[in-house]
Amino acid sequence: MLNRLLNAATGWYVRRGLRGYHHYPADKTAVIFIDVQRAFLDAEQPLSQSLASLAQLARSRGFLVIHAPVTANTGALYQTPAHRRIEHALSKHPNASDIAPAVKPVPSDIVLPERKTLSIFELPAVDALIEKRGLEHLILAGPLGDLTLDSSLRDAAQRDIHTTVVSDCVAASTSAALELEVRYTMPRYAHLVTDLDDLRRRTDQ
């Protein structure tokens, strides 16, 4: 009962308070591709094209593009199931850790150091970059929606920064997990959960 009330209240708040948000200044906005690596993204998946479109949109709007790759937490005494899944995927072939061609970095992009943690905010470089660039808006996307993107979003919620999740640029362990994330979990932490077409309209110059 409590969860149903919370979900309903969250949905009302998102629809009423945030649906009119259109202001994404180019010099204060970054798109962060979280773990968009060959290990987690099949080039034939629709997600691959969506992520490529988001990268194109970000660069056309003058947004900073940040790539946040993950690496295996090898040697940890108490690996979580999430870490084990990541390690297994990264071990499949030699180029598994490479950033996926769909979002291939260009010279203006920033590629963060590989991290072993689920959240990108465990890298001191992330907060340092936000402060240095004066970023106020983060647009998040990635194939590990119920693992690393979820964890990063929750940490972002602890900071005074506006966060957007692009729903059709997110995947998860299962279709059920994806639905749970996009419909219920992420709207509790992100200021806006929307699709690529709506984001394009909101950022239209």
C-alpha atoms as a PDB file:
ATOM      1  CA  MET A   1       0.000   0.000   0.000  1.00  0.00           C
ATOM      2  CA  LEU A   2       2.750   2.432   0.994  1.00  0.00           C
ATOM      3  CA  ASN A   3       4.697   1.673  -2.172  1.00  0.00           C
ATOM      4  CA  ARG A   4       1.624   2.296  -4.323  1.00  0.00           C
ATOM      5  CA  LEU A   5       1.065   5.649  -2.653  1.00  0.00           C
ATOM      6  CA  LEU A   6       4.713   6.584  -3.040  1.00  0.00           C
ATOM      7  CA  ASN A   7       4.704   5.604  -6.714  1.00  0.00           C
ATOM      8  CA  ALA A   8       1.541   7.593  -7.349  1.00  0.00           C
ATOM      9  CA  ALA A   9       2.923  10.646  -5.564  1.00  0.00           C
ATOM     10  CA  THR A  10       6.187  10.398  -7.475  1.00  0.00           C
ATOM     11  CA  GLY A  11       4.375  10.184 -10.799  1.00  0.00           C
ATOM     12  CA  TRP A  12       2.213  13.197  -9.936  1.00  0.00           C
ATOM     13  CA  TYR A  13       5.248  15.219  -8.915  1.00  0.00           C
ATOM     14  CA  VAL A  14       7.137  14.394 -12.099  1.00  0.00           C
ATOM     15  CA  ARG A  15       4.171  15.186 -14.348  1.00  0.00           C
ATOM     16  CA  ARG A  16       3.176  18.400 -12.593  1.00  0.00           C
ATOM     17  CA  GLY A  17       6.444  19.908 -11.462  1.00  0.00           C
ATOM     18  CA  LEU A  18       8.974  18.854 -14.063  1.00  0.00           C
ATOM     19  CA  ARG A  19       7.277  18.305 -17.390  1.00  0.00           C
ATOM     20  CA  GLY A  20       7.855  21.946 -18.374  1.00  0.00           C
ATOM     21  CA  TYR A  21      11.606  21.817 -17.827  1.00  0.00           C
ATOM     22  CA  HIS A  22      13.276  22.965 -21.029  1.00  0.00           C
ATOM     23  CA  HIS A  23      16.405  24.812 -19.954  1.00  0.00           C
ATOM     24  CA  TYR A  24      19.642  22.964 -20.743  1.00  0.00           C
ATOM     25  CA  PRO A  25      22.394  25.577 -21.216  1.00  0.00           C
ATOM     26  CA  ALA A  26      25.099  24.154 -23.456  1.00  0.00           C
ATOM     27  CA  ASP A  27      27.956  25.189 -21.181  1.00  0.00           C
ATOM     28  CA  LYS A  28      26.322  23.711 -18.075  1.00  0.00           C
ATOM     29  CA  THR A  29      25.015  20.412 -19.469  1.00  0.00           C
ATOM     30  CA  ALA A  30      26.764  17.069 -19.911  1.00  0.00           C
ATOM     31  CA  VAL A  31      25.633  13.748 -21.327  1.00  0.00           C
ATOM     32  CA  ILE A  32      27.245  10.848 -19.479  1.00  0.00           C
ATOM     33  CA  PHE A  33      27.424   7.475 -21.189  1.00  0.00           C
ATOM     34  CA  ILE A  34      27.774   5.036 -18.306  1.00  0.00           C
ATOM     35  CA  ASP A  35      29.470   1.765 -19.306  1.00  0.00           C
ATOM     36  CA  VAL A  36      28.556   1.995 -22.981  1.00  0.00           C
ATOM     37  CA  GLN A  37      31.162  -0.633 -23.817  1.00  0.00           C
ATOM     38  CA  ARG A  38      31.334  -3.530 -26.253  1.00  0.00           C
ATOM     39  CA  ALA A  39      30.771  -6.007 -23.411  1.00  0.00           C
ATOM     40  CA  PHE A  40      27.331  -4.630 -22.682  1.00  0.00           C
ATOM     41  CA  LEU A  41      26.071  -3.398 -26.056  1.00  0.00           C
ATOM     42  CA  ASP A  42      25.342  -5.400 -29.188  1.00  0.00           C
ATOM     43  CA  ALA A  43      25.697  -3.276 -32.305  1.00  0.00           C
ATOM     44  CA  GLU A  44      22.488  -4.832 -33.658  1.00  0.00           C
ATOM     45  CA  GLN A  45      20.381  -3.803 -30.680  1.00  0.00           C
ATOM     46  CA  PRO A  46      17.957  -0.870 -31.063  1.00  0.00           C
ATOM     47  CA  LEU A  47      19.662   0.527 -27.966  1.00  0.00           C
ATOM     48  CA  SER A  48      22.850   0.969 -29.976  1.00  0.00           C
ATOM     49  CA  GLN A  49      21.115   3.260 -32.459  1.00  0.00           C
ATOM     50  CA  SER A  50      19.395   5.191 -29.675  1.00  0.00           C
ATOM     51  CA  LEU A  51      22.697   5.808 -27.926  1.00  0.00           C
ATOM     52  CA  ALA A  52      24.283   6.901 -31.203  1.00  0.00           C
ATOM     53  CA  SER A  53      21.411   9.345 -31.716  1.00  0.00           C
ATOM     54  CA  LEU A  54      21.858  10.722 -28.211  1.00  0.00           C
ATOM     55  CA  ALA A  55      25.567  11.254 -28.833  1.00  0.00           C
ATOM     56  CA  GLN A  56      24.766  13.079 -32.056  1.00  0.00           C
ATOM     57  CA  LEU A  57      22.142  15.211 -30.306  1.00  0.00           C
ATOM     58  CA  ALA A  58      24.518  16.101 -27.478  1.00  0.00           C
ATOM     59  CA  ARG A  59      27.269  17.223 -29.830  1.00  0.00           C
ATOM     60  CA  SER A  60      24.862  19.192 -32.016  1.00  0.00           C
ATOM     61  CA  ARG A  61      23.651  21.054 -28.921  1.00  0.00           C
ATOM     62  CA  GLY A  62      27.174  21.754 -27.696  1.00  0.00           C
ATOM     63  CA  PHE A  63      26.809  19.588 -24.575  1.00  0.00           C
ATOM     64  CA  LEU A  64      29.869  18.038 -23.015  1.00  0.00           C
ATOM     65  CA  VAL A  65      29.995  14.288 -23.689  1.00  0.00           C
ATOM     66  CA  ILE A  66      31.527  12.127 -20.957  1.00  0.00           C
ATOM     67  CA  HIS A  67      32.306   8.421 -21.189  1.00  0.00           C
ATOM     68  CA  ALA A  68      32.432   6.512 -17.893  1.00  0.00           C
ATOM     69  CA  PRO A  69      33.725   2.957 -18.449  1.00  0.00           C
ATOM     70  CA  VAL A  70      33.792   0.230 -15.820  1.00  0.00           C
ATOM     71  CA  THR A  71      36.328  -2.523 -15.257  1.00  0.00           C
ATOM     72  CA  ALA A  72      36.226  -5.821 -13.372  1.00  0.00           C
ATOM     73  CA  ASN A  73      36.533  -5.722  -9.599  1.00  0.00           C
ATOM     74  CA  THR A  74      38.908  -8.677  -9.721  1.00  0.00           C
ATOM     75  CA  GLY A  75      40.257  -9.887  -6.418  1.00  0.00           C
ATOM     76  CA  ALA A  76      37.541  -8.403  -4.213  1.00  0.00           C
ATOM     77  CA  LEU A  77      36.758 -10.643  -1.235  1.00  0.00           C
ATOM     78  CA  TYR A  78      33.025 -10.039  -1.320  1.00  0.00           C
ATOM     79  CA  GLN A  79      31.933  -9.467  -4.891  1.00  0.00           C
ATOM     80  CA  THR A  80      28.268  -8.645  -5.325  1.00  0.00           C
ATOM     81  CA  PRO A  81      26.177 -10.354  -8.016  1.00  0.00           C
ATOM     82  CA  ALA A  82      26.331  -7.066  -9.914  1.00  0.00           C
ATOM     83  CA  HIS A  83      30.130  -7.059  -9.901  1.00  0.00           C
ATOM     84  CA  ARG A  84      30.228 -10.713 -10.944  1.00  0.00           C
ATOM     85  CA  ARG A  85      27.924 -10.037 -13.884  1.00  0.00           C
ATOM     86  CA  ILE A  86      30.108  -7.148 -15.013  1.00  0.00           C
ATOM     87  CA  GLU A  87      33.289  -9.203 -14.675  1.00  0.00           C
ATOM     88  CA  HIS A  88      31.771 -12.082 -16.654  1.00  0.00           C
ATOM     89  CA  ALA A  89      30.716  -9.795 -19.516  1.00  0.00           C
ATOM     90  CA  LEU A  90      34.110  -8.088 -19.650  1.00  0.00           C
ATOM     91  CA  SER A  91      35.916 -11.430 -19.839  1.00  0.00           C
ATOM     92  CA  LYS A  92      34.148 -12.639 -22.985  1.00  0.00           C
ATOM     93  CA  HIS A  93      36.609 -11.219 -25.514  1.00  0.00           C
ATOM     94  CA  PRO A  94      39.744  -9.036 -25.586  1.00  0.00           C
ATOM     95  CA  ASN A  95      37.977  -5.871 -26.775  1.00  0.00           C
ATOM     96  CA  ALA A  96      35.026  -6.158 -24.406  1.00  0.00           C
ATOM     97  CA  SER A  97      36.096  -3.157 -22.336  1.00  0.00           C
ATOM     98  CA  ASP A  98      36.376  -0.824 -25.347  1.00  0.00           C
ATOM     99  CA  ILE A  99      33.861   1.968 -25.662  1.00  0.00           C
ATOM    100  CA  ALA A 100      31.157   0.865 -28.104  1.00  0.00           C
ATOM    101  CA  PRO A 101      31.405   2.203 -31.669  1.00  0.00           C
ATOM    102  CA  ALA A 102      27.895   3.674 -31.375  1.00  0.00           C
ATOM    103  CA  VAL A 103      29.241   6.421 -29.114  1.00  0.00           C
ATOM    104  CA  LYS A 104      32.844   6.455 -30.318  1.00  0.00           C
ATOM    105  CA  PRO A 105      34.620   9.328 -28.548  1.00  0.00           C
ATOM    106  CA  VAL A 106      35.605  12.405 -30.515  1.00  0.00           C
ATOM    107  CA  PRO A 107      38.373  14.824 -29.463  1.00  0.00           C
ATOM    108  CA  SER A 108      35.962  17.092 -27.587  1.00  0.00           C
ATOM    109  CA  ASP A 109      34.682  14.231 -25.398  1.00  0.00           C
ATOM    110  CA  ILE A 110      36.059  13.321 -21.981  1.00  0.00           C
ATOM    111  CA  VAL A 111      36.836   9.681 -21.196  1.00  0.00           C
ATOM    112  CA  LEU A 112      37.044   9.024 -17.467  1.00  0.00           C
ATOM    113  CA  PRO A 113      39.454   6.469 -15.995  1.00  0.00           C
ATOM    114  CA  GLU A 114      38.046   2.972 -15.678  1.00  0.00           C
ATOM    115  CA  ARG A 115      36.527   2.337 -12.273  1.00  0.00           C
ATOM    116  CA  LYS A 116      35.724  -0.794 -10.265  1.00  0.00           C
ATOM    117  CA  THR A 117      32.739   0.661  -8.457  1.00  0.00           C
ATOM    118  CA  LEU A 118      29.096   0.609  -9.514  1.00  0.00           C
ATOM    119  CA  SER A 119      28.629   4.360  -9.160  1.00  0.00           C
ATOM    120  CA  ILE A 120      30.619   6.760 -11.297  1.00  0.00           C
ATOM    121  CA  PHE A 121      30.695   9.165  -8.358  1.00  0.00           C
ATOM    122  CA  GLU A 122      33.189   6.971  -6.530  1.00  0.00           C
ATOM    123  CA  LEU A 123      35.711   8.498  -8.938  1.00  0.00           C
ATOM    124  CA  PRO A 124      36.900  11.824  -7.458  1.00  0.00           C
ATOM    125  CA  ALA A 125      37.369  13.010 -11.031  1.00  0.00           C
ATOM    126  CA  VAL A 126      33.599  13.186 -11.526  1.00  0.00           C
ATOM    127  CA  ASP A 127      32.876  15.744  -8.812  1.00  0.00           C
ATOM    128  CA  ALA A 128      36.037  17.621  -9.776  1.00  0.00           C
ATOM    129  CA  LEU A 129      34.863  17.812 -13.395  1.00  0.00           C
ATOM    130  CA  ILE A 130      31.385  18.990 -12.392  1.00  0.00           C
ATOM    131  CA  GLU A 131      32.896  21.764 -10.286  1.00  0.00           C
ATOM    132  CA  LYS A 132      35.532  22.764 -12.834  1.00  0.00           C
ATOM    133  CA  ARG A 133      33.052  22.976 -15.716  1.00  0.00           C
ATOM    134  CA  GLY A 134      30.256  24.476 -13.614  1.00  0.00           C
ATOM    135  CA  LEU A 135      27.889  21.713 -14.698  1.00  0.00           C
ATOM    136  CA  GLU A 136      24.302  21.958 -13.476  1.00  0.00           C
ATOM    137  CA  HIS A 137      22.584  19.338 -15.646  1.00  0.00           C
ATOM    138  CA  LEU A 138      23.536  15.701 -16.197  1.00  0.00           C
ATOM    139  CA  ILE A 139      21.825  13.554 -18.817  1.00  0.00           C
ATOM    140  CA  LEU A 140      22.446   9.868 -18.072  1.00  0.00           C
ATOM    141  CA  ALA A 141      22.296   6.837 -20.350  1.00  0.00           C
ATOM    142  CA  GLY A 142      23.714   3.334 -20.468  1.00  0.00           C
ATOM    143  CA  PRO A 143      23.058  -0.392 -20.855  1.00  0.00           C
ATOM    144  CA  LEU A 144      23.314  -1.365 -17.176  1.00  0.00           C
ATOM    145  CA  GLY A 145      20.247   0.453 -15.963  1.00  0.00           C
ATOM    146  CA  ASP A 146      19.573  -1.687 -12.901  1.00  0.00           C
ATOM    147  CA  LEU A 147      23.238  -1.878 -11.897  1.00  0.00           C
ATOM    148  CA  THR A 148      25.615   1.005 -12.529  1.00  0.00           C
ATOM    149  CA  LEU A 149      23.250   3.622 -13.912  1.00  0.00           C
ATOM    150  CA  ASP A 150      20.884   3.129 -10.982  1.00  0.00           C
ATOM    151  CA  SER A 151      23.747   3.417  -8.507  1.00  0.00           C
ATOM    152  CA  SER A 152      25.130   6.531 -10.200  1.00  0.00           C
ATOM    153  CA  LEU A 153      21.695   8.162 -10.328  1.00  0.00           C
ATOM    154  CA  ARG A 154      21.168   7.637  -6.610  1.00  0.00           C
ATOM    155  CA  ASP A 155      24.515   9.302  -5.895  1.00  0.00           C
ATOM    156  CA  ALA A 156      23.685  12.162  -8.251  1.00  0.00           C
ATOM    157  CA  ALA A 157      20.511  12.733  -6.226  1.00  0.00           C
ATOM    158  CA  GLN A 158      22.694  13.593  -3.232  1.00  0.00           C
ATOM    159  CA  ARG A 159      24.221  16.507  -5.148  1.00  0.00           C
ATOM    160  CA  ASP A 160      22.694  19.843  -6.040  1.00  0.00           C
ATOM    161  CA  ILE A 161      22.475  19.039  -9.740  1.00  0.00           C
ATOM    162  CA  HIS A 162      19.615  18.461 -12.184  1.00  0.00           C
ATOM    163  CA  THR A 163      19.517  14.924 -13.596  1.00  0.00           C
ATOM    164  CA  THR A 164      17.727  13.539 -16.623  1.00  0.00           C
ATOM    165  CA  VAL A 165      17.510   9.882 -17.661  1.00  0.00           C
ATOM    166  CA  VAL A 166      16.788   9.077 -21.310  1.00  0.00           C
ATOM    167  CA  SER A 167      14.528   6.039 -21.073  1.00  0.00           C
ATOM    168  CA  ASP A 168      15.086   4.642 -24.573  1.00  0.00           C
ATOM    169  CA  CYS A 169      18.845   4.924 -24.058  1.00  0.00           C
ATOM    170  CA  VAL A 170      18.758   2.558 -21.088  1.00  0.00           C
ATOM    171  CA  ALA A 171      18.750  -1.246 -20.829  1.00  0.00           C
ATOM    172  CA  ALA A 172      18.726  -3.626 -17.861  1.00  0.00           C
ATOM    173  CA  SER A 173      19.257  -7.254 -16.879  1.00  0.00           C
ATOM    174  CA  THR A 174      15.722  -8.206 -17.932  1.00  0.00           C
ATOM    175  CA  SER A 175      12.708  -6.491 -19.476  1.00  0.00           C
ATOM    176  CA  ALA A 176      10.978  -6.624 -16.093  1.00  0.00           C
ATOM    177  CA  ALA A 177      13.956  -4.977 -14.404  1.00  0.00           C
ATOM    178  CA  LEU A 178      13.978  -2.252 -17.051  1.00  0.00           C
ATOM    179  CA  GLU A 179      10.290  -1.524 -16.565  1.00  0.00           C
ATOM    180  CA  LEU A 180      10.751  -1.336 -12.812  1.00  0.00           C
ATOM    181  CA  GLU A 181      13.644   1.090 -13.179  1.00  0.00           C
ATOM    182  CA  VAL A 182      12.078   3.404 -15.746  1.00  0.00           C
ATOM    183  CA  ARG A 183       8.554   3.463 -14.316  1.00  0.00           C
ATOM    184  CA  TYR A 184       9.205   3.451 -10.585  1.00  0.00           C
ATOM    185  CA  THR A 185      12.800   3.614  -9.335  1.00  0.00           C
ATOM    186  CA  MET A 186      14.397   6.249 -11.541  1.00  0.00           C
ATOM    187  CA  PRO A 187      11.556   8.790 -11.234  1.00  0.00           C
ATOM    188  CA  ARG A 188      12.188   8.816  -7.481  1.00  0.00           C
ATOM    189  CA  TYR A 189      15.738  10.117  -8.001  1.00  0.00           C
ATOM    190  CA  ALA A 190      15.918  11.782 -11.419  1.00  0.00           C
ATOM    191  CA  HIS A 191      14.343  15.164 -11.985  1.00  0.00           C
ATOM    192  CA  LEU A 192      13.171  13.988 -15.375  1.00  0.00           C
ATOM    193  CA  VAL A 193      12.801  10.589 -17.046  1.00  0.00           C
ATOM    194  CA  THR A 194      11.966  11.078 -20.700  1.00  0.00           C
ATOM    195  CA  ASP A 195      12.614   9.650 -24.142  1.00  0.00           C
ATOM    196  CA  LEU A 196      14.985  10.814 -26.843  1.00  0.00           C
ATOM    197  CA  ASP A 197      12.339  12.516 -28.976  1.00  0.00           C
ATOM    198  CA  ASP A 198      11.088  14.550 -26.029  1.00  0.00           C
ATOM    199  CA  LEU A 199      14.632  15.484 -25.023  1.00  0.00           C
ATOM    200  CA  ARG A 200      15.267  16.654 -28.583  1.00  0.00           C
ATOM    201  CA  ARG A 201      12.221  18.929 -28.370  1.00  0.00           C
ATOM    202  CA  ARG A 202      13.225  20.265 -24.971  1.00  0.00           C
ATOM    203  CA  THR A 203      16.722  21.117 -26.147  1.00  0.00           C
ATOM    204  CA  ASP A 204      15.721  22.453 -29.549  1.00  0.00           C
ATOM    205  CA  GLN A 205      17.508  25.705 -30.228  1.00  0.00           C
END
